[in-house]
């Protein structure tokens, strides 16, 4: 019996040797987009919740920085999109080492849940930092 035909023989190369160094589990990409979209929707809900003259970054009373006014129709959605990158970056960069060089066929259900939960909490927390003028 030839050893190359033996189904019980251990593989000569490990999974980590066959996966490129820059590869990332596919779940990481769609979850980063989901956190970005959820954060943006939370900020849009806050920015378009009423007919206000503008919005200020107050951080629950710690500062008072004007952010968005009524000068442009595109200003509020674009500012919300830019601000929504903060929670996305924090969660994505924190979880990137866990998804790096991982076998794409492996399940990551627990990590996915924590990733999306933390991203949702940070998105809501970021949206709560703004008050109407």
C-alpha atoms as a PDB file:
ATOM      1  CA  UNK A   1       0.000   0.000   0.000  1.00  0.00           C
ATOM      2  CA  UNK A   2       1.374   3.361  -1.021  1.00  0.00           C
ATOM      3  CA  UNK A   3       1.621   6.038   1.709  1.00  0.00           C
ATOM      4  CA  UNK A   4       0.290   8.673  -0.715  1.00  0.00           C
ATOM      5  CA  UNK A   5      -2.963   6.699  -0.887  1.00  0.00           C
ATOM      6  CA  UNK A   6      -3.322   6.377   2.899  1.00  0.00           C
ATOM      7  CA  UNK A   7      -6.310   8.519   4.023  1.00  0.00           C
ATOM      8  CA  UNK A   8      -5.174   8.380   7.673  1.00  0.00           C
ATOM      9  CA  UNK A   9      -1.763   9.860   7.024  1.00  0.00           C
ATOM     10  CA  UNK A  10      -1.200  13.288   8.544  1.00  0.00           C
ATOM     11  CA  UNK A  11      -0.866  16.089   6.002  1.00  0.00           C
ATOM     12  CA  UNK A  12       2.627  17.279   5.205  1.00  0.00           C
ATOM     13  CA  UNK A  13       1.657  20.951   5.278  1.00  0.00           C
ATOM     14  CA  UNK A  14      -0.389  22.567   8.001  1.00  0.00           C
ATOM     15  CA  UNK A  15      -3.355  24.794   7.270  1.00  0.00           C
ATOM     16  CA  UNK A  16      -1.360  27.873   8.339  1.00  0.00           C
ATOM     17  CA  UNK A  17       1.317  27.122   5.752  1.00  0.00           C
ATOM     18  CA  UNK A  18      -1.214  27.041   2.920  1.00  0.00           C
ATOM     19  CA  UNK A  19      -3.034  30.254   3.929  1.00  0.00           C
ATOM     20  CA  UNK A  20      -1.225  33.441   2.822  1.00  0.00           C
ATOM     21  CA  UNK A  21       0.024  35.815   5.508  1.00  0.00           C
ATOM     22  CA  UNK A  22      -2.232  38.642   4.378  1.00  0.00           C
ATOM     23  CA  UNK A  23      -5.346  36.456   4.232  1.00  0.00           C
ATOM     24  CA  UNK A  24      -8.231  37.160   6.550  1.00  0.00           C
ATOM     25  CA  UNK A  25     -11.333  35.143   7.384  1.00  0.00           C
ATOM     26  CA  UNK A  26     -14.222  36.270   5.130  1.00  0.00           C
ATOM     27  CA  UNK A  27     -16.484  36.866   8.139  1.00  0.00           C
ATOM     28  CA  UNK A  28     -14.294  39.769   9.282  1.00  0.00           C
ATOM     29  CA  UNK A  29     -14.998  41.789   6.142  1.00  0.00           C
ATOM     30  CA  UNK A  30     -18.784  41.561   6.144  1.00  0.00           C
ATOM     31  CA  UNK A  31     -18.959  42.158   9.900  1.00  0.00           C
ATOM     32  CA  UNK A  32     -16.847  45.306   9.578  1.00  0.00           C
ATOM     33  CA  UNK A  33     -19.317  46.547   6.945  1.00  0.00           C
ATOM     34  CA  UNK A  34     -22.258  45.651   9.201  1.00  0.00           C
ATOM     35  CA  UNK A  35     -20.784  47.626  12.112  1.00  0.00           C
ATOM     36  CA  UNK A  36     -20.155  50.570   9.760  1.00  0.00           C
ATOM     37  CA  UNK A  37     -23.721  50.449   8.417  1.00  0.00           C
ATOM     38  CA  UNK A  38     -25.289  50.117  11.874  1.00  0.00           C
ATOM     39  CA  UNK A  39     -23.226  53.017  13.262  1.00  0.00           C
ATOM     40  CA  UNK A  40     -24.160  55.162  10.271  1.00  0.00           C
ATOM     41  CA  UNK A  41     -27.864  54.354  10.668  1.00  0.00           C
ATOM     42  CA  UNK A  42     -27.701  55.254  14.380  1.00  0.00           C
ATOM     43  CA  UNK A  43     -26.058  58.585  13.583  1.00  0.00           C
ATOM     44  CA  UNK A  44     -28.536  59.304  10.776  1.00  0.00           C
ATOM     45  CA  UNK A  45     -31.401  58.590  13.157  1.00  0.00           C
ATOM     46  CA  UNK A  46     -29.947  61.084  15.616  1.00  0.00           C
ATOM     47  CA  UNK A  47     -29.086  63.737  13.001  1.00  0.00           C
ATOM     48  CA  UNK A  48     -32.482  63.565  11.263  1.00  0.00           C
ATOM     49  CA  UNK A  49     -34.620  63.023  14.373  1.00  0.00           C
ATOM     50  CA  UNK A  50     -35.940  66.566  14.387  1.00  0.00           C
ATOM     51  CA  UNK A  51     -35.852  69.870  12.564  1.00  0.00           C
ATOM     52  CA  UNK A  52     -32.916  71.314  14.447  1.00  0.00           C
ATOM     53  CA  UNK A  53     -30.532  74.036  13.366  1.00  0.00           C
ATOM     54  CA  UNK A  54     -27.563  71.719  13.783  1.00  0.00           C
ATOM     55  CA  UNK A  55     -25.755  69.298  16.038  1.00  0.00           C
ATOM     56  CA  UNK A  56     -22.969  69.552  18.570  1.00  0.00           C
ATOM     57  CA  UNK A  57     -20.538  67.047  19.957  1.00  0.00           C
ATOM     58  CA  UNK A  58     -21.156  67.372  23.691  1.00  0.00           C
ATOM     59  CA  UNK A  59     -19.819  64.053  25.088  1.00  0.00           C
ATOM     60  CA  UNK A  60     -22.482  64.211  27.796  1.00  0.00           C
ATOM     61  CA  UNK A  61     -21.557  67.761  28.840  1.00  0.00           C
ATOM     62  CA  UNK A  62     -17.746  67.570  28.666  1.00  0.00           C
ATOM     63  CA  UNK A  63     -17.366  69.761  25.563  1.00  0.00           C
ATOM     64  CA  UNK A  64     -19.417  71.796  23.101  1.00  0.00           C
ATOM     65  CA  UNK A  65     -18.193  71.527  19.496  1.00  0.00           C
ATOM     66  CA  UNK A  66     -20.573  72.390  16.612  1.00  0.00           C
ATOM     67  CA  UNK A  67     -20.626  69.564  14.055  1.00  0.00           C
ATOM     68  CA  UNK A  68     -23.422  69.786  11.495  1.00  0.00           C
ATOM     69  CA  UNK A  69     -25.595  72.668  10.435  1.00  0.00           C
ATOM     70  CA  UNK A  70     -28.306  73.107   7.842  1.00  0.00           C
ATOM     71  CA  UNK A  71     -26.077  74.519   5.083  1.00  0.00           C
ATOM     72  CA  UNK A  72     -26.123  71.458   2.852  1.00  0.00           C
ATOM     73  CA  UNK A  73     -28.396  68.504   2.197  1.00  0.00           C
ATOM     74  CA  UNK A  74     -25.394  66.159   1.966  1.00  0.00           C
ATOM     75  CA  UNK A  75     -23.539  67.514   4.984  1.00  0.00           C
ATOM     76  CA  UNK A  76     -25.351  65.520   7.669  1.00  0.00           C
ATOM     77  CA  UNK A  77     -25.168  62.093   5.951  1.00  0.00           C
ATOM     78  CA  UNK A  78     -21.515  62.558   4.999  1.00  0.00           C
ATOM     79  CA  UNK A  79     -20.495  63.722   8.461  1.00  0.00           C
ATOM     80  CA  UNK A  80     -22.430  60.802   9.936  1.00  0.00           C
ATOM     81  CA  UNK A  81     -20.611  58.430   7.573  1.00  0.00           C
ATOM     82  CA  UNK A  82     -17.231  59.829   8.613  1.00  0.00           C
ATOM     83  CA  UNK A  83     -18.052  59.688  12.322  1.00  0.00           C
ATOM     84  CA  UNK A  84     -19.329  56.109  11.948  1.00  0.00           C
ATOM     85  CA  UNK A  85     -15.832  54.980  10.984  1.00  0.00           C
ATOM     86  CA  UNK A  86     -14.628  55.454  14.578  1.00  0.00           C
ATOM     87  CA  UNK A  87     -16.480  52.492  16.144  1.00  0.00           C
ATOM     88  CA  UNK A  88     -15.816  50.448  13.011  1.00  0.00           C
ATOM     89  CA  UNK A  89     -12.076  51.052  13.237  1.00  0.00           C
ATOM     90  CA  UNK A  90     -11.922  50.302  16.954  1.00  0.00           C
ATOM     91  CA  UNK A  91     -13.744  46.974  16.704  1.00  0.00           C
ATOM     92  CA  UNK A  92     -12.194  45.902  13.397  1.00  0.00           C
ATOM     93  CA  UNK A  93      -8.611  46.563  14.452  1.00  0.00           C
ATOM     94  CA  UNK A  94      -9.168  44.931  17.845  1.00  0.00           C
ATOM     95  CA  UNK A  95     -10.521  41.722  16.291  1.00  0.00           C
ATOM     96  CA  UNK A  96      -8.242  41.581  13.224  1.00  0.00           C
ATOM     97  CA  UNK A  97      -5.546  39.397  14.876  1.00  0.00           C
ATOM     98  CA  UNK A  98      -8.196  36.805  15.754  1.00  0.00           C
ATOM     99  CA  UNK A  99      -9.359  36.527  12.126  1.00  0.00           C
ATOM    100  CA  UNK A 100      -5.932  36.757  10.491  1.00  0.00           C
ATOM    101  CA  UNK A 101      -4.643  33.559   8.813  1.00  0.00           C
ATOM    102  CA  UNK A 102      -7.670  31.582   9.942  1.00  0.00           C
ATOM    103  CA  UNK A 103      -8.987  28.634   7.967  1.00  0.00           C
ATOM    104  CA  UNK A 104     -11.952  29.956   5.909  1.00  0.00           C
ATOM    105  CA  UNK A 105     -13.842  26.710   6.433  1.00  0.00           C
ATOM    106  CA  UNK A 106     -13.707  27.037  10.232  1.00  0.00           C
ATOM    107  CA  UNK A 107     -16.670  28.450  12.121  1.00  0.00           C
ATOM    108  CA  UNK A 108     -16.241  31.613  14.152  1.00  0.00           C
ATOM    109  CA  UNK A 109     -19.735  31.993  15.567  1.00  0.00           C
ATOM    110  CA  UNK A 110     -18.688  33.058  19.074  1.00  0.00           C
ATOM    111  CA  UNK A 111     -16.193  35.634  17.841  1.00  0.00           C
ATOM    112  CA  UNK A 112     -18.720  36.922  15.302  1.00  0.00           C
ATOM    113  CA  UNK A 113     -21.304  37.465  18.040  1.00  0.00           C
ATOM    114  CA  UNK A 114     -18.854  39.374  20.258  1.00  0.00           C
ATOM    115  CA  UNK A 115     -17.611  41.394  17.266  1.00  0.00           C
ATOM    116  CA  UNK A 116     -21.131  42.477  16.280  1.00  0.00           C
ATOM    117  CA  UNK A 117     -22.210  43.065  19.896  1.00  0.00           C
ATOM    118  CA  UNK A 118     -19.250  45.339  20.650  1.00  0.00           C
ATOM    119  CA  UNK A 119     -19.679  47.112  17.316  1.00  0.00           C
ATOM    120  CA  UNK A 120     -23.369  47.746  18.029  1.00  0.00           C
ATOM    121  CA  UNK A 121     -22.664  49.027  21.531  1.00  0.00           C
ATOM    122  CA  UNK A 122     -19.933  51.356  20.249  1.00  0.00           C
ATOM    123  CA  UNK A 123     -22.206  52.576  17.438  1.00  0.00           C
ATOM    124  CA  UNK A 124     -24.981  53.436  19.895  1.00  0.00           C
ATOM    125  CA  UNK A 125     -22.495  55.018  22.307  1.00  0.00           C
ATOM    126  CA  UNK A 126     -21.034  57.144  19.517  1.00  0.00           C
ATOM    127  CA  UNK A 127     -24.498  58.317  18.457  1.00  0.00           C
ATOM    128  CA  UNK A 128     -25.343  59.264  22.048  1.00  0.00           C
ATOM    129  CA  UNK A 129     -22.478  61.784  22.163  1.00  0.00           C
ATOM    130  CA  UNK A 130     -24.341  64.306  19.984  1.00  0.00           C
ATOM    131  CA  UNK A 131     -27.045  66.779  21.032  1.00  0.00           C
ATOM    132  CA  UNK A 132     -29.184  69.191  18.977  1.00  0.00           C
ATOM    133  CA  UNK A 133     -28.327  72.895  18.889  1.00  0.00           C
END
